[in-house]
Amino acid sequence: MTSLALKSLATLGGATVIPADDGYCLAPRRVYADAVEVASLLHPEAPVFCFSPAALRTSIKTFIDGFPGEVSYAMKANPGEDILLTACAVGLDCFDVASVEEMAAIRAIAPRARLHYHNPVKSRAEIAQALEPFGCRRFAVDDHQEIAKIAALADDAAAIELAVRFRLVAAGQSAHDFSSKFGATPDEAVELLRDAVARGFSVVLTFHPGSQCTEPGAYARHIEAAAAIASAAGVRLSALNVGGGFPAGYATSRGPAHGAFFAAIAEAVASHFETGAMPRLECEPGRGIVAPAVSLLTRVKLVKPGRREVFLNDGIYGALMEVSQARDLMPRHRVIRNGGALAAGTGGWTVYGPTCDPLDVLPVKLALADDIAEGDYVEFAPVGAYGAATSTRFNGYEPGETVIVAETF
């Protein structure tokens, strides 16, 4: 176990939790080799998430060993119980949360985990709940009204850290531009820092270069701006949080290895902050940690060869929602039949999900086997990030169940 005092092994969620080589998982659970074996042995009719604790553990350790500071996990990417249990077992004890519901989920597993409430917009009721009973002492802000709300509800400002979130326009290549919704301008951030310090809070600067950021230089530009903001405000930062955005390996978007980002971050901090004023570094990856740990196994419901159309039992109202918003996040795929993977064909197929909505179609044609047929399986990877988290119940279709596998493809 870890020092987090995980909830009783006998009572978590009404099931038993067992320590295993692949992390902590709910028992009894069979570990399959991969999605091919899942298809061969289980013949599932509904979509299935194939979760590899080993892959998640490797991904987390890459950040813990390589990032030059503290690593937290952004729960919004995948708040699944198996994911959280494995993360805790590997040693993560800090979680980036966006709601009190996420706080409750992690508190049920790790009662003493530290919480970073880095959603910049919160109601007064949510702030009050975060303070008590959840014991959150870190809040993100990008507006003076948020500072005032927290100040009105916190009994001891000195015990609270406010993370002022700033943004730079067009700061790097990414699939989702967070600056379109959150973040103060650099000039506004200066005033927010001064306001927070004047009220007795400790202060942090934070930013997000965009989800699936493929350019290490984007972090460096934000860090340069952070140093200038702190200097102009005349404040000492207790930490600098470089956010998430670290990329995963999709079909057409992957970016350099995470080590290149870690090196760029360390170099930028050393270059732009004086030695005596160098802040403690933090990051809060979601996609970069959890994406490669899960694949999605879908089944073919119908094929219309003349029209080159395939209908699957999951789609954009399920685990493939992100693809409808950003084509660069199209997972890799393979067709599975009779215990093996089929070679991709020469032409593209239009792929539909199972719902009665014409919007339920992938935005790009896929190179599937020319003889793909009803009953075949199509595996997509990676879907660990925002696959399960964004699945809906449209038309009554339930999100996929989870099985444990040794590896994903």
Foldseek 3Di string as FASTA:
>chain_A
DDPLCWPDQCPQVNFGWDQDPLFIDTPDADAAAEVLRCCQPVVDQAKAKAFASNQLLVLLVCCVVQFQFAEAAECLFPVDPRSLRSNVRSPHQEYEYQFVVSLVSNCNTRVRRAYANENADDDLVGLLVCVPPSNHQHYEHADVVSLVSNLVRDPAQQSHEYEYEADDPPLADEQFAPNVPDHHHLVSSLVVVLSSVVSNHAYEYEYELYALTQDLVSLLVVLLSVLVSCVSSVHQHQEYEDEERQHPDAPQGGHDDVNVNSVSNVVSLPVRDDPVRRHGYYYHYHCSNFQFRIKMKWFWAFADLVQLETEIQAFCLAQPVVQLRGVSRFFDKFKHDDSDTDDFDDDFHWYAYDDPDPSRTGPDTDRYHSPDGGSIMMMGGRRRTSRHSRHDCVVNRDYHYYHYYNGYD
